Protein backbone atom coordinates (compact mmCIF):
# COMPACT_ATOMS: atom_id res chain seq x y z
CA MET A 1 40.74 -149.53 -26.44
CA PRO A 2 41.06 -153.30 -26.49
CA SER A 3 39.06 -155.22 -23.91
CA ARG A 4 40.64 -155.87 -20.54
CA PRO A 5 42.47 -159.21 -20.56
CA THR A 6 40.85 -161.80 -18.40
CA THR A 7 42.36 -164.27 -16.02
CA PRO A 8 41.88 -167.85 -17.17
CA VAL A 9 39.55 -169.77 -14.89
CA ASP A 10 40.02 -173.47 -14.29
CA ARG A 11 36.97 -175.47 -15.24
CA PRO A 12 36.31 -179.13 -14.52
CA ARG A 13 36.69 -181.16 -17.68
CA VAL A 14 33.68 -183.02 -19.05
CA GLY A 15 34.29 -186.41 -17.51
CA ARG A 16 32.62 -189.74 -18.10
CA PRO A 17 30.03 -189.45 -15.26
CA GLU A 18 28.84 -186.10 -16.61
CA GLY A 19 28.67 -187.41 -20.17
CA ILE A 20 26.76 -190.53 -19.12
CA THR A 21 24.29 -188.55 -17.03
CA LEU A 22 23.72 -186.10 -19.87
CA GLY A 23 23.19 -189.03 -22.22
CA LEU A 24 20.55 -190.45 -19.88
CA VAL A 25 18.73 -187.11 -19.80
CA VAL A 26 18.73 -186.97 -23.60
CA ALA A 27 17.46 -190.56 -23.70
CA VAL A 28 14.60 -189.71 -21.33
CA PHE A 29 13.69 -186.71 -23.46
CA ALA A 30 13.76 -188.87 -26.60
CA LEU A 31 11.46 -191.44 -25.00
CA VAL A 32 9.08 -188.74 -23.78
CA LEU A 33 8.96 -187.28 -27.29
CA GLY A 34 8.23 -190.74 -28.66
CA LEU A 35 5.40 -191.21 -26.19
CA TRP A 36 3.87 -187.87 -27.16
CA ALA A 37 4.16 -188.72 -30.86
CA VAL A 38 1.97 -191.81 -30.44
CA LEU A 39 -0.20 -190.61 -27.54
CA VAL A 40 -2.00 -187.69 -29.21
CA PRO A 41 -4.64 -188.81 -31.73
CA PRO A 42 -4.18 -187.65 -35.34
CA PHE A 43 -4.78 -183.92 -35.85
CA GLN A 44 -5.34 -183.32 -32.13
CA ALA A 45 -2.14 -181.29 -31.75
CA PRO A 46 -2.55 -177.49 -32.21
CA ASP A 47 -3.02 -176.55 -35.90
CA GLU A 48 -1.69 -179.95 -36.90
CA LYS A 49 -4.16 -180.44 -39.72
CA ALA A 50 -3.05 -177.16 -41.31
CA HIS A 51 0.65 -177.92 -40.86
CA PHE A 52 0.22 -181.40 -42.37
CA ASP A 53 -1.82 -180.02 -45.24
CA THR A 54 0.87 -177.44 -46.05
CA ALA A 55 3.64 -180.05 -46.04
CA LEU A 56 1.51 -182.34 -48.21
CA HIS A 57 0.84 -179.54 -50.73
CA LEU A 58 4.59 -179.16 -51.22
CA ALA A 59 5.21 -182.93 -51.25
CA ILE A 60 2.80 -183.45 -54.16
CA GLY A 61 4.40 -180.56 -56.07
CA ASP A 62 1.99 -177.68 -55.46
CA ALA A 63 3.47 -174.17 -55.55
CA TRP A 64 3.83 -171.98 -52.48
CA VAL A 65 1.01 -169.43 -52.47
CA GLY A 66 0.38 -166.14 -50.69
CA PRO A 67 -1.03 -165.74 -47.17
CA GLY A 68 -4.70 -166.68 -47.02
CA ASP A 69 -4.68 -168.13 -50.56
CA GLN A 70 -4.09 -171.78 -49.67
CA ARG A 71 -7.04 -174.16 -49.31
CA PHE A 72 -7.13 -177.53 -47.60
CA LEU A 73 -6.72 -180.59 -49.75
CA ASN A 74 -9.91 -182.67 -49.86
CA ALA A 75 -7.77 -185.67 -48.97
CA VAL A 76 -6.67 -184.02 -45.73
CA GLN A 77 -10.26 -183.06 -44.93
CA ALA A 78 -11.27 -186.68 -45.46
CA ALA A 79 -8.43 -187.91 -43.24
CA ALA A 80 -9.52 -185.49 -40.52
CA GLY A 81 -13.05 -186.85 -40.84
CA GLN A 82 -11.78 -190.40 -40.36
CA ALA A 83 -9.77 -189.33 -37.33
CA ALA A 84 -12.75 -187.55 -35.79
CA ALA A 85 -14.97 -190.62 -36.30
CA GLY A 86 -12.64 -192.64 -34.07
CA THR A 87 -11.45 -196.20 -34.28
CA ASP A 88 -14.83 -197.67 -33.33
CA SER A 89 -16.30 -196.76 -36.73
CA LEU A 90 -13.06 -197.23 -38.68
CA PRO A 91 -10.23 -199.27 -37.15
CA ALA A 92 -6.78 -197.77 -37.64
CA ALA A 93 -5.70 -200.74 -39.76
CA SER A 94 -8.46 -199.94 -42.27
CA ARG A 95 -7.33 -196.40 -42.98
CA ALA A 96 -6.46 -195.56 -46.57
CA THR A 97 -3.05 -194.73 -47.96
CA VAL A 98 -2.35 -191.18 -49.03
CA GLN A 99 -2.58 -192.26 -52.66
CA GLU A 100 -5.95 -193.94 -52.12
CA LEU A 101 -7.26 -190.96 -50.18
CA ARG A 102 -6.20 -188.51 -52.90
CA ALA A 103 -7.82 -190.68 -55.58
CA ALA A 104 -11.08 -190.85 -53.64
CA HIS A 105 -11.01 -187.17 -52.64
CA PRO A 106 -9.15 -185.16 -55.30
CA GLY A 107 -8.72 -181.41 -55.41
CA ILE A 108 -9.15 -178.78 -52.73
CA ASP A 109 -11.92 -177.57 -50.46
CA PRO A 110 -12.54 -174.00 -51.71
CA GLY A 111 -14.18 -172.92 -48.46
CA ALA A 112 -11.45 -174.09 -46.06
CA VAL A 113 -8.50 -171.70 -45.63
CA ASP A 114 -5.15 -173.16 -44.58
CA GLN A 115 -3.43 -170.13 -43.05
CA MET A 116 0.10 -171.55 -42.82
CA THR A 117 1.45 -169.79 -45.89
CA GLN A 118 1.58 -166.66 -43.72
CA HIS A 119 4.86 -168.18 -42.48
CA PRO A 120 8.09 -168.79 -44.41
CA PRO A 121 8.15 -172.21 -46.11
CA THR A 122 11.37 -173.52 -44.50
CA ALA A 123 9.92 -176.06 -42.07
CA TYR A 124 7.39 -177.29 -44.62
CA LEU A 125 10.02 -177.79 -47.31
CA LEU A 126 11.93 -180.04 -44.91
CA GLN A 127 8.78 -181.96 -44.01
CA ALA A 128 7.87 -182.36 -47.67
CA ALA A 129 11.36 -183.72 -48.36
CA VAL A 130 10.89 -186.26 -45.55
CA LEU A 131 7.53 -187.34 -46.98
CA ARG A 132 9.05 -187.88 -50.41
CA THR A 133 11.97 -189.79 -48.92
CA VAL A 134 9.70 -192.32 -47.19
CA GLY A 135 7.38 -192.75 -50.19
CA PHE A 136 4.41 -191.08 -48.52
CA GLU A 137 1.91 -191.94 -51.27
CA HIS A 138 2.10 -195.61 -50.30
CA LEU A 139 1.82 -195.03 -46.55
CA ARG A 140 -1.43 -194.94 -44.63
CA TRP A 141 -2.23 -191.27 -44.10
CA ASP A 142 -1.91 -191.59 -40.30
CA HIS A 143 1.49 -193.25 -40.69
CA ALA A 144 2.63 -190.40 -42.95
CA LEU A 145 1.49 -188.04 -40.20
CA LEU A 146 3.38 -190.09 -37.60
CA VAL A 147 6.56 -189.97 -39.71
CA LEU A 148 6.44 -186.17 -39.64
CA ARG A 149 5.79 -186.17 -35.89
CA LEU A 150 8.87 -188.30 -35.32
CA PHE A 151 10.90 -186.11 -37.67
CA ASP A 152 9.94 -183.00 -35.70
CA ALA A 153 10.80 -184.80 -32.47
CA LEU A 154 14.23 -185.60 -33.90
CA VAL A 155 14.70 -181.94 -34.83
CA VAL A 156 14.11 -180.90 -31.19
CA LEU A 157 16.17 -183.70 -29.64
CA PRO A 158 19.41 -181.60 -29.43
CA LEU A 159 17.69 -179.07 -27.13
CA PRO A 160 18.89 -180.68 -23.84
CA VAL A 161 22.47 -180.73 -25.13
CA LEU A 162 22.26 -177.07 -26.10
CA ALA A 163 20.88 -176.24 -22.65
CA TRP A 164 23.68 -178.22 -21.00
CA ALA A 165 26.32 -176.45 -23.11
CA ALA A 166 24.98 -172.97 -22.34
CA VAL A 167 24.61 -173.51 -18.59
CA ARG A 168 27.98 -175.31 -18.43
CA ARG A 169 29.70 -172.45 -20.21
CA LEU A 170 28.17 -169.78 -17.98
CA THR A 171 28.37 -171.53 -14.59
CA ARG A 172 31.15 -174.08 -15.16
CA SER A 173 29.15 -176.42 -12.93
CA PRO A 174 28.62 -179.96 -14.24
CA ARG A 175 25.69 -180.48 -11.91
CA ALA A 176 23.94 -177.24 -12.86
CA ALA A 177 24.53 -178.00 -16.54
CA VAL A 178 22.90 -181.42 -16.39
CA VAL A 179 19.97 -180.03 -14.39
CA GLY A 180 19.64 -177.38 -17.11
CA ALA A 181 19.49 -180.13 -19.71
CA ALA A 182 16.75 -181.89 -17.73
CA ALA A 183 14.74 -178.67 -17.52
CA VAL A 184 13.19 -179.39 -20.93
CA LEU A 185 11.25 -182.18 -19.21
CA ALA A 186 9.58 -179.69 -16.87
CA VAL A 187 7.47 -178.21 -19.69
CA PRO A 188 5.18 -180.97 -21.02
CA GLU A 189 3.72 -178.58 -23.60
CA LEU A 190 7.16 -178.26 -25.19
CA ALA A 191 7.47 -182.01 -25.72
CA SER A 192 3.88 -182.32 -26.93
CA ILE A 193 4.36 -179.58 -29.52
CA ALA A 194 7.80 -180.86 -30.53
CA ALA A 195 6.36 -184.30 -31.27
CA SER A 196 3.58 -183.00 -33.51
CA VAL A 197 3.52 -181.82 -37.10
CA THR A 198 4.41 -178.15 -36.67
CA ASN A 199 6.79 -175.39 -37.65
CA ASP A 200 7.50 -174.74 -33.96
CA ALA A 201 9.89 -177.70 -33.65
CA LEU A 202 12.51 -176.20 -35.95
CA THR A 203 11.97 -172.78 -34.36
CA MET A 204 12.66 -174.20 -30.88
CA SER A 205 15.91 -175.84 -31.89
CA LEU A 206 17.19 -172.88 -33.88
CA GLY A 207 16.23 -170.51 -31.05
CA GLY A 208 18.16 -172.76 -28.68
CA LEU A 209 21.15 -172.80 -31.02
CA VAL A 210 21.18 -169.00 -31.29
CA THR A 211 21.04 -168.72 -27.50
CA ALA A 212 23.81 -171.27 -26.92
CA VAL A 213 26.14 -169.59 -29.41
CA LEU A 214 25.25 -166.19 -27.97
CA VAL A 215 26.32 -167.42 -24.52
CA LEU A 216 29.72 -168.19 -26.03
CA ALA A 217 29.97 -164.61 -27.28
CA LEU A 218 28.76 -163.22 -23.95
CA THR A 219 31.48 -165.16 -22.17
CA GLY A 220 34.29 -163.80 -24.29
CA ASP A 221 34.46 -166.14 -27.27
CA ARG A 222 34.02 -163.85 -30.27
CA ARG A 223 36.19 -165.76 -32.71
CA PRO A 224 35.19 -165.52 -36.39
CA ARG A 225 33.76 -169.04 -36.43
CA VAL A 226 31.53 -168.25 -33.43
CA LEU A 227 30.22 -165.05 -35.05
CA LEU A 228 29.76 -166.87 -38.37
CA SER A 229 27.76 -169.62 -36.63
CA LEU A 230 25.67 -166.99 -34.83
CA GLY A 231 24.81 -165.18 -38.06
CA ILE A 232 23.82 -168.37 -39.88
CA ALA A 233 21.78 -169.71 -36.97
CA LEU A 234 19.98 -166.39 -36.58
CA GLY A 235 19.20 -166.24 -40.30
CA LEU A 236 17.79 -169.78 -40.28
CA LEU A 237 15.71 -168.96 -37.21
CA VAL A 238 14.05 -165.91 -38.73
CA ILE A 239 13.29 -167.65 -42.02
CA THR A 240 11.51 -170.42 -40.14
CA LYS A 241 8.89 -168.40 -38.23
CA GLY A 242 8.17 -164.86 -37.15
CA THR A 243 8.57 -165.80 -33.49
CA GLY A 244 12.30 -165.85 -34.19
CA LEU A 245 12.41 -162.14 -35.10
CA PRO A 246 12.87 -160.88 -31.49
CA ALA A 247 16.20 -162.71 -31.49
CA VAL A 248 17.56 -160.09 -33.90
CA PRO A 249 17.63 -157.16 -31.43
CA VAL A 250 18.75 -159.57 -28.69
CA VAL A 251 21.82 -160.60 -30.70
CA ALA A 252 22.58 -156.98 -31.62
CA LEU A 253 22.34 -155.81 -27.99
CA ALA A 254 24.41 -158.73 -26.74
CA LEU A 255 27.22 -158.15 -29.22
CA LEU A 256 27.23 -154.40 -28.57
CA LEU A 257 26.79 -154.35 -24.80
CA GLY A 258 27.84 -157.80 -23.61
CA PRO A 259 30.65 -158.27 -21.09
CA GLY A 260 34.15 -158.53 -22.51
CA ALA A 261 33.22 -156.81 -25.79
CA PRO A 262 36.16 -155.40 -27.75
CA ALA A 263 36.66 -151.72 -28.63
CA TRP A 264 33.63 -149.98 -30.11
CA GLY A 265 34.94 -149.94 -33.65
CA ARG A 266 35.42 -153.69 -33.70
CA ARG A 267 32.19 -154.51 -31.91
CA LEU A 268 30.23 -152.38 -34.41
CA VAL A 269 31.86 -154.22 -37.30
CA GLU A 270 31.21 -157.62 -35.70
CA THR A 271 27.57 -156.78 -34.94
CA ALA A 272 26.94 -155.45 -38.44
CA GLY A 273 28.60 -158.50 -39.97
CA VAL A 274 26.45 -160.95 -37.97
CA LEU A 275 23.23 -159.08 -38.78
CA LEU A 276 24.06 -158.75 -42.48
CA LEU A 277 24.81 -162.47 -42.66
CA ALA A 278 21.53 -163.25 -40.90
CA GLY A 279 19.74 -160.95 -43.31
CA ALA A 280 21.26 -162.69 -46.32
CA VAL A 281 20.32 -166.13 -44.97
CA GLY A 282 16.78 -165.37 -43.80
CA GLY A 283 16.02 -161.74 -43.06
CA TRP A 284 15.27 -161.00 -46.71
CA TRP A 285 11.95 -162.83 -46.35
CA TRP A 286 10.60 -160.17 -44.02
CA VAL A 287 11.84 -157.35 -46.23
CA ARG A 288 9.95 -159.05 -49.05
CA ASN A 289 6.79 -159.10 -46.90
CA LEU A 290 7.09 -155.37 -46.30
CA VAL A 291 7.47 -154.72 -50.02
CA VAL A 292 4.77 -157.12 -51.24
CA TYR A 293 2.18 -157.04 -48.44
CA ARG A 294 3.02 -153.74 -46.71
CA THR A 295 3.24 -155.59 -43.41
CA LEU A 296 5.88 -157.63 -41.63
CA GLN A 297 3.65 -160.59 -40.73
CA PRO A 298 0.65 -161.11 -43.04
CA ASP A 299 -2.48 -162.60 -41.50
CA GLY A 300 -3.49 -165.85 -43.14
CA TYR A 301 -6.87 -165.67 -41.42
CA ALA A 302 -7.72 -162.16 -42.68
CA ALA A 303 -10.19 -163.51 -45.24
CA ILE A 304 -12.19 -165.49 -42.67
CA ARG A 305 -11.72 -163.25 -39.62
CA PRO A 306 -12.62 -159.78 -40.91
CA PRO A 307 -12.66 -156.68 -38.70
CA GLN A 308 -15.82 -156.12 -36.69
CA SER A 309 -16.99 -153.73 -33.99
CA PHE A 310 -18.00 -154.48 -30.42
CA PRO A 311 -21.75 -154.34 -29.72
CA ALA A 312 -22.79 -151.06 -28.18
CA GLY A 313 -21.75 -150.88 -24.54
CA GLN A 314 -20.06 -154.30 -24.52
CA GLY A 315 -16.37 -153.64 -24.97
CA PRO A 316 -13.52 -153.60 -25.21
CA ASP A 317 -12.89 -154.72 -21.63
CA ALA A 318 -9.32 -154.66 -20.30
CA LEU A 319 -10.00 -157.14 -17.47
CA THR A 320 -11.53 -159.64 -19.88
CA PHE A 321 -8.55 -159.33 -22.20
CA VAL A 322 -5.99 -159.78 -19.40
CA ASP A 323 -7.86 -162.73 -17.92
CA VAL A 324 -8.17 -164.59 -21.22
CA SER A 325 -4.78 -163.62 -22.64
CA TRP A 326 -2.55 -164.26 -19.64
CA GLY A 327 -4.54 -167.27 -18.49
CA THR A 328 -4.11 -168.83 -21.92
CA VAL A 329 -0.38 -168.07 -22.02
CA ILE A 330 0.21 -169.76 -18.65
CA ARG A 331 -1.87 -172.84 -19.52
CA THR A 332 -0.40 -173.31 -22.96
CA PHE A 333 3.17 -172.77 -21.79
CA TRP A 334 3.20 -175.56 -19.21
CA GLY A 335 0.63 -177.95 -20.59
CA SER A 336 -2.77 -177.59 -22.24
CA PHE A 337 -3.19 -180.23 -24.88
CA GLY A 338 -5.46 -181.04 -27.81
CA SER A 339 -6.44 -179.11 -30.91
CA ASN A 340 -8.25 -176.47 -28.84
CA ALA A 341 -5.98 -176.80 -25.80
CA PHE A 342 -8.89 -178.20 -23.78
CA ALA A 343 -6.93 -180.92 -21.94
CA SER A 344 -5.16 -178.68 -19.45
CA MET A 345 -3.07 -179.63 -16.46
CA SER A 346 -4.60 -178.51 -13.17
CA PRO A 347 -4.50 -174.76 -12.46
CA TRP A 348 -3.73 -175.72 -8.85
CA LEU A 349 -0.40 -176.93 -10.22
CA LEU A 350 0.24 -174.41 -12.98
CA VAL A 351 -0.42 -171.17 -11.07
CA PRO A 352 1.94 -171.95 -8.14
CA LEU A 353 4.50 -173.34 -10.60
CA THR A 354 4.41 -170.10 -12.58
CA LEU A 355 4.61 -167.88 -9.50
CA VAL A 356 7.54 -169.80 -8.00
CA THR A 357 9.48 -170.01 -11.26
CA VAL A 358 8.99 -166.37 -12.25
CA GLY A 359 9.54 -165.20 -8.67
CA VAL A 360 12.83 -167.04 -8.19
CA VAL A 361 14.16 -165.83 -11.54
CA ALA A 362 13.02 -162.23 -11.01
CA VAL A 363 14.53 -162.02 -7.51
CA LEU A 364 17.76 -163.96 -7.93
CA ALA A 365 18.83 -164.11 -11.60
CA PHE A 366 19.52 -160.36 -11.81
CA ARG A 367 21.26 -159.81 -8.49
CA ARG A 368 24.47 -157.83 -8.59
CA GLY A 369 27.29 -160.09 -9.69
CA PRO A 370 29.58 -161.03 -12.57
CA ALA A 371 26.80 -162.59 -14.66
CA ARG A 372 24.23 -159.83 -14.14
CA ARG A 373 24.66 -158.14 -17.52
CA THR A 374 24.53 -161.48 -19.31
CA ALA A 375 21.32 -162.36 -17.47
CA VAL A 376 19.69 -159.06 -18.40
CA LEU A 377 20.62 -159.42 -22.06
CA LEU A 378 19.32 -163.00 -22.24
CA ALA A 379 16.07 -161.95 -20.55
CA VAL A 380 15.36 -159.54 -23.41
CA PHE A 381 14.51 -162.51 -25.67
CA PRO A 382 11.48 -163.91 -23.77
CA VAL A 383 10.37 -160.40 -22.78
CA LEU A 384 10.26 -159.30 -26.42
CA LEU A 385 8.41 -162.46 -27.45
CA LEU A 386 5.81 -161.91 -24.76
CA ALA A 387 5.48 -158.22 -25.63
CA ALA A 388 5.14 -158.98 -29.36
CA GLN A 389 2.38 -161.54 -28.95
CA THR A 390 0.56 -159.34 -26.42
CA SER A 391 0.68 -156.42 -28.84
CA THR A 392 -0.63 -158.62 -31.67
CA SER A 393 -3.36 -159.97 -29.43
CA VAL A 394 -4.43 -156.48 -28.32
CA HIS A 395 -4.67 -155.39 -31.95
CA GLY A 396 -6.69 -158.49 -32.83
CA TYR A 397 -9.02 -157.95 -29.87
CA LEU A 398 -9.67 -154.33 -30.76
CA THR A 399 -10.30 -155.05 -34.46
CA THR A 400 -12.12 -158.41 -34.32
CA THR A 401 -13.52 -158.50 -30.72
CA MET A 402 -11.75 -161.86 -30.22
CA VAL A 403 -8.77 -162.56 -27.95
CA VAL A 404 -6.52 -164.55 -30.30
CA GLY A 405 -2.83 -165.08 -30.88
CA THR A 406 -1.98 -165.85 -27.25
CA GLN A 407 -0.09 -169.11 -26.88
CA GLY A 408 2.57 -170.08 -24.38
CA ARG A 409 4.34 -172.07 -27.06
CA TYR A 410 5.23 -168.80 -28.80
CA LEU A 411 7.79 -168.35 -26.00
CA PHE A 412 9.55 -171.61 -26.84
CA PRO A 413 12.14 -170.07 -29.18
CA ALA A 414 13.50 -168.45 -26.00
CA VAL A 415 13.12 -171.51 -23.77
CA LEU A 416 16.88 -172.01 -23.55
CA ALA A 417 17.32 -168.41 -22.38
CA LEU A 418 14.72 -169.11 -19.70
CA ILE A 419 16.61 -172.25 -18.67
CA VAL A 420 19.90 -170.35 -18.36
CA LEU A 421 18.24 -167.63 -16.27
CA SER A 422 16.67 -170.28 -14.05
CA ALA A 423 20.03 -172.00 -13.59
CA LEU A 424 21.62 -168.73 -12.45
CA ALA A 425 18.74 -168.04 -10.06
CA TRP A 426 18.40 -171.46 -8.43
CA ARG A 427 22.15 -171.74 -7.86
CA ARG A 428 22.06 -168.50 -5.89
CA LEU A 429 19.16 -169.79 -3.81
CA THR A 430 21.27 -172.61 -2.40
CA GLY A 431 24.31 -170.57 -1.33
CA ARG A 432 26.97 -172.70 0.33
CA THR A 433 24.62 -174.89 2.36
CA ARG A 434 23.81 -178.59 2.15
CA LEU A 435 20.87 -177.54 -0.01
CA ARG A 436 23.35 -177.18 -2.88
CA ARG A 437 23.51 -180.97 -3.14
CA LEU A 438 19.89 -181.75 -2.38
CA LEU A 439 18.13 -179.13 -4.53
CA PRO A 440 19.47 -180.29 -7.93
CA VAL A 441 18.31 -183.84 -7.19
CA GLY A 442 14.90 -182.55 -6.12
CA LEU A 443 14.62 -180.42 -9.23
CA VAL A 444 15.35 -183.33 -11.57
CA VAL A 445 12.83 -185.49 -9.73
CA GLY A 446 10.26 -182.70 -9.97
CA MET A 447 10.96 -182.19 -13.68
CA SER A 448 10.47 -185.90 -14.35
CA VAL A 449 7.21 -185.87 -12.38
CA LEU A 450 5.95 -182.91 -14.42
CA ALA A 451 6.74 -184.78 -17.63
CA ALA A 452 4.75 -187.76 -16.34
CA VAL A 453 1.84 -185.57 -15.20
CA GLY A 454 1.64 -184.01 -18.66
CA LEU A 455 1.53 -187.40 -20.35
CA ALA A 456 -1.05 -188.69 -17.86
CA THR A 457 -3.26 -185.62 -18.36
CA ALA A 458 -3.25 -186.04 -22.12
CA ARG A 459 -3.71 -189.79 -21.86
CA GLY A 460 -6.76 -189.40 -19.64
CA ARG A 461 -8.48 -186.60 -21.57
CA LEU A 462 -7.48 -186.98 -25.22
CA VAL A 463 -7.96 -190.73 -25.67
CA PRO A 464 -10.15 -192.01 -22.82
CA GLY A 465 -10.80 -195.70 -23.30
CA ALA A 466 -9.01 -195.83 -26.65
CA GLY A 467 -5.48 -196.36 -25.46
CA TYR A 468 -2.97 -196.20 -28.26
CA ALA A 469 -5.19 -198.05 -30.71
CA VAL A 470 -5.61 -194.79 -32.62
CA TRP A 471 -2.45 -195.73 -34.51
CA SER A 472 -2.26 -199.54 -34.57
CA ASP A 473 -3.45 -202.79 -33.05
CA ALA A 474 -4.49 -202.09 -29.45
CA SER A 475 -2.36 -204.78 -27.78
CA LEU A 476 0.71 -203.87 -29.84
CA GLY A 477 0.27 -200.17 -29.14
CA ALA A 478 -0.21 -200.69 -25.40
CA THR A 479 2.81 -202.99 -25.17
CA ALA A 480 5.13 -200.69 -27.13
CA THR A 481 4.17 -197.57 -25.23
CA GLY A 482 4.35 -199.40 -21.91
CA VAL A 483 7.92 -200.42 -22.69
CA LEU A 484 8.79 -196.85 -23.70
CA ALA A 485 7.34 -195.50 -20.46
CA PHE A 486 9.17 -198.06 -18.31
CA VAL A 487 12.53 -197.39 -19.99
CA ALA A 488 11.99 -193.63 -19.62
CA LEU A 489 11.24 -194.04 -15.90
CA LEU A 490 14.30 -196.23 -15.39
CA ALA A 491 16.59 -193.83 -17.27
CA ALA A 492 15.20 -190.89 -15.27
CA ALA A 493 15.91 -192.69 -11.99
CA VAL A 494 19.49 -193.43 -13.01
CA ALA A 495 19.92 -189.82 -14.16
CA VAL A 496 18.79 -188.57 -10.73
CA VAL A 497 21.49 -190.70 -9.09
CA GLY A 498 24.03 -189.39 -11.59
CA VAL A 499 23.14 -185.76 -10.85
CA ALA A 500 23.66 -186.36 -7.14
CA ARG A 501 27.20 -187.60 -7.79
CA LEU A 502 28.31 -184.78 -10.11
CA PRO A 503 30.59 -182.00 -8.83
CA SER A 504 29.46 -178.40 -8.64
CA THR A 505 30.97 -174.96 -8.15
CA PRO A 506 29.78 -172.37 -5.62
CA PRO A 507 27.58 -169.72 -7.26
CA ASP A 508 29.98 -166.97 -6.19
CA ALA A 509 33.24 -168.78 -7.00
CA VAL A 510 33.91 -166.88 -10.23
CA ASP A 511 35.19 -163.30 -10.31
CA SER A 512 34.54 -162.73 -14.01
CA PRO A 513 31.96 -164.26 -16.35
CA VAL A 514 34.32 -163.87 -19.29
CA HIS A 515 36.24 -166.98 -20.28
CA PRO A 516 39.09 -167.21 -22.74
CA PRO A 517 38.21 -168.97 -26.01
CA ARG A 518 38.48 -172.69 -25.83
């Protein structure tokens, strides 16, 4: 039978105050990304040397090779050596161009495995195209690295707008939507990763796009163009990184079981069509892996991290695994910076922050109400990501004795789903009291403070005494970053005032979460 017709619900139009406030939030996020791009010394972001090496291989015309078969370019090894020596021994202005470095250090390092060809090449092909566009051979190697950092930051920049659109669609509250957009500031690790050379930046944005389009479908908009967009976005996500694969069952469940779905015959056809389109765009890569490597996700480290047994009577230990695994996930979700994630924000901040955030979502986001089914379906995405990386980590621990593969950033493809769930939960916390006006302002202030704490933590522990001279002249670097920080602070303050003036809707004002197509 056709789905029950829904009653149209009046929604406030997107007025100028809301648009300006959203624009300020995006501007703050852009400035924060810019600060992270120049704050972290070269190759100090997680796996950045390997990501840069992979992009450079493609930029100079090398072929894509199998997992574990790629070796670091000697030029990249030399650049990493210069970066590790610091600016006291070699000022930034004296660093060689990529062309000069390759001439002085040709070839590859046969003993150094670059594991990144275990992933699809999508992000690296884009980065290689950017390098060619800017004439990377004639740039200093650190400036070529900085170009890619800024490119990745630009890729992630739409994330606040996607968060705003998803929360706005589901809650129809301008205030909640703008707070949802600002939520990206509350996770300093997200900005630090997004402004590095990585394949996670594209994964974050595509994961956000899939979630935002899925919210449209979950709220009754299943027009062909929406389903077409969903299939393409999902295909691009899964051909970027394996952390996008859990989105496949999430999309299938949402289209099959979501509120307002049409009759079963049509919903089966729509679901199959979206999944087949996603498979044609990007799913084929993983089928290829199964055929060629007999595994879904090959291990690029297999050659240098072979299986080994625990010493007699020394393992495996479940408590040790849980302590290391979950502790690492929490730290590296909120903010633990540097190549080995050693510059962590205080656990006295992160543990309460995790408990409050997870507790509020768990208690309030899934309460009985019109949006309950949507909340449950969206929650499947981060739950599957967490389960997948835990399973991989358990296998790695049992076969290699090392707890590896646990990173909070692996949850970032589902960060927009987490933001939507948080928006639903926090709105229910306020009820109809005066807290409804005060809490959003407090949340935006708190999110801005967290962004600043993350930057301050990295600034104090990654580059003590060096300032921003790791990239350029010290006085120029300090002046430029000081201006960026001041403008970001000013824009954040104005955004807080804007949030306070935006209208809202009571959390229980809507009888049905299904909206007619716009």
